[in-house]
Structure formats: structure tokens, C-alpha cells
């Protein structure tokens, strides 16, 4: 029984010490950086010598996308149109139902 009381007292003292420890204060921005505040501006790495190469690379990418893409045939276009129309109808019907419920609640 005495051992339990002593261990309980030891646990209580460690809890009290943990509670009484001072909380470490984080330095404020002015303390951390002084009068000079950090700059968060985005800086461009602009090199005129690389500009033509970047433009040519971009044009090649555009050309590659155009060559890979194809014009949809009538069947594919009709399927896409049907799916889009069904989606619009479902969303419109749900909106109508929600609006009707809110009007009935008022």
C-alpha cells in the first residue's frame, strides 16, 4: 500500500513539473528577420538567349498535340452529345427537386 502511495506521489510530482515547465516562445517575425522583412515575390529567371529555343519547343509541343488529335466521327459525336444531354437533364432535375423542397419548407 505504501509503495502505491509513493509511486502515486512520484507520478504527481512529474505531472506537476511537466505542467509548470515554461512554454518555449516562438520568435516573432521582427525578432527573426530584424527590420528587413523576407521577400515573397516571385522572381523570373529570364534569359534572352534561351527565348527562341523555348518558343520552338512550345511550337513543337502544339504541333504534336494537333497531329495526335483526330476529328470525331458521327457515331462518337452522337454518343458524346447523348451523355452530355443526359447529364444536363439529371442535374436540372435535381435542382428542380431541391428548389421544390425548399419552397415547400417555407
Protein backbone atom coordinates (compact mmCIF):
# COMPACT_ATOMS: atom_id res chain seq x y z
CA UNK A 1 0.00 0.00 0.00
CA UNK A 2 2.82 2.40 0.88
CA UNK A 3 4.52 1.61 -2.41
CA UNK A 4 1.39 2.62 -4.30
CA UNK A 5 1.21 5.91 -2.41
CA UNK A 6 4.89 6.65 -3.09
CA UNK A 7 4.60 5.86 -6.80
CA UNK A 8 1.46 7.97 -6.97
CA UNK A 9 3.33 10.87 -5.34
CA UNK A 10 6.23 10.46 -7.77
CA UNK A 11 3.82 10.45 -10.72
CA UNK A 12 2.08 13.53 -9.32
CA UNK A 13 5.40 15.40 -8.98
CA UNK A 14 6.38 14.55 -12.55
CA UNK A 15 2.97 15.74 -13.76
CA UNK A 16 3.34 18.97 -11.77
CA UNK A 17 6.83 19.52 -13.19
CA UNK A 18 5.53 18.98 -16.72
CA UNK A 19 2.71 21.45 -16.15
CA UNK A 20 4.97 24.08 -14.61
CA UNK A 21 7.60 23.98 -17.38
CA UNK A 22 7.73 27.29 -19.20
CA UNK A 23 6.41 27.18 -22.73
CA UNK A 24 9.05 28.00 -25.32
CA UNK A 25 8.17 31.24 -27.02
CA UNK A 26 8.47 31.30 -30.79
CA UNK A 27 10.35 34.32 -32.07
CA UNK A 28 8.24 36.89 -33.83
CA UNK A 29 8.91 37.80 -37.44
CA UNK A 30 10.67 41.01 -36.48
CA UNK A 31 12.87 39.17 -33.98
CA UNK A 32 13.67 36.51 -36.53
CA UNK A 33 14.43 38.74 -39.51
CA UNK A 34 15.05 42.11 -37.89
CA UNK A 35 13.99 45.20 -39.78
CA UNK A 36 14.50 43.53 -43.14
CA UNK A 37 11.39 41.52 -43.87
CA UNK A 38 11.63 38.49 -46.18
CA UNK A 39 10.54 38.99 -49.75
CA UNK A 40 7.89 36.61 -51.05
CA UNK A 41 7.87 37.95 -54.60
CA UNK A 42 8.22 35.53 -57.47
CA UNK A 43 11.42 36.13 -59.39
CA UNK A 44 11.61 35.32 -63.08
CA UNK A 45 14.69 33.65 -64.47
CA UNK A 46 14.51 35.36 -67.86
CA UNK A 47 17.27 34.62 -70.35
CA UNK A 48 17.04 36.18 -73.81
CA UNK A 49 19.40 33.61 -75.30
CA UNK A 50 17.05 30.78 -74.37
CA UNK A 51 13.87 32.51 -75.59
CA UNK A 52 13.96 31.23 -79.21
CA UNK A 53 14.59 27.68 -78.01
CA UNK A 54 11.67 27.88 -75.58
CA UNK A 55 9.39 29.22 -78.30
CA UNK A 56 10.42 26.46 -80.71
CA UNK A 57 9.90 23.80 -78.03
CA UNK A 58 6.41 25.14 -77.30
CA UNK A 59 5.51 25.19 -81.01
CA UNK A 60 6.72 21.60 -81.39
CA UNK A 61 4.51 20.56 -78.48
CA UNK A 62 1.50 22.30 -80.06
CA UNK A 63 2.20 20.58 -83.39
CA UNK A 64 2.49 17.19 -81.70
CA UNK A 65 -0.91 17.63 -80.00
CA UNK A 66 -2.56 18.67 -83.26
CA UNK A 67 -1.09 15.67 -85.12
CA UNK A 68 -2.20 13.22 -82.44
CA UNK A 69 -5.75 14.58 -82.21
CA UNK A 70 -8.38 13.48 -84.71
CA UNK A 71 -11.78 14.66 -85.78
CA UNK A 72 -14.57 12.61 -84.16
CA UNK A 73 -16.84 10.66 -86.46
CA UNK A 74 -20.65 10.97 -86.38
CA UNK A 75 -21.18 8.00 -84.05
CA UNK A 76 -18.67 9.26 -81.48
CA UNK A 77 -20.12 12.78 -81.64
CA UNK A 78 -23.67 11.49 -81.13
CA UNK A 79 -22.61 9.37 -78.13
CA UNK A 80 -20.86 12.34 -76.51
CA UNK A 81 -23.91 14.54 -77.16
CA UNK A 82 -26.28 11.95 -75.63
CA UNK A 83 -24.16 11.59 -72.48
CA UNK A 84 -23.88 15.37 -72.08
CA UNK A 85 -27.63 15.83 -72.57
CA UNK A 86 -28.44 13.11 -70.02
CA UNK A 87 -26.06 14.74 -67.52
CA UNK A 88 -27.65 18.16 -68.02
CA UNK A 89 -31.14 16.69 -67.56
CA UNK A 90 -30.16 14.88 -64.36
CA UNK A 91 -28.56 17.97 -62.85
CA UNK A 92 -31.54 20.11 -63.85
CA UNK A 93 -34.00 17.61 -62.37
CA UNK A 94 -32.04 17.50 -59.10
CA UNK A 95 -32.02 21.30 -58.97
CA UNK A 96 -35.77 21.39 -59.56
CA UNK A 97 -36.39 18.83 -56.79
CA UNK A 98 -34.18 20.73 -54.32
CA UNK A 99 -35.84 24.05 -55.16
CA UNK A 100 -39.30 22.48 -54.77
CA UNK A 101 -38.34 21.07 -51.35
CA UNK A 102 -37.09 24.47 -50.17
CA UNK A 103 -40.27 26.15 -51.43
CA UNK A 104 -42.40 23.63 -49.53
CA UNK A 105 -40.40 24.21 -46.33
CA UNK A 106 -41.03 27.98 -46.42
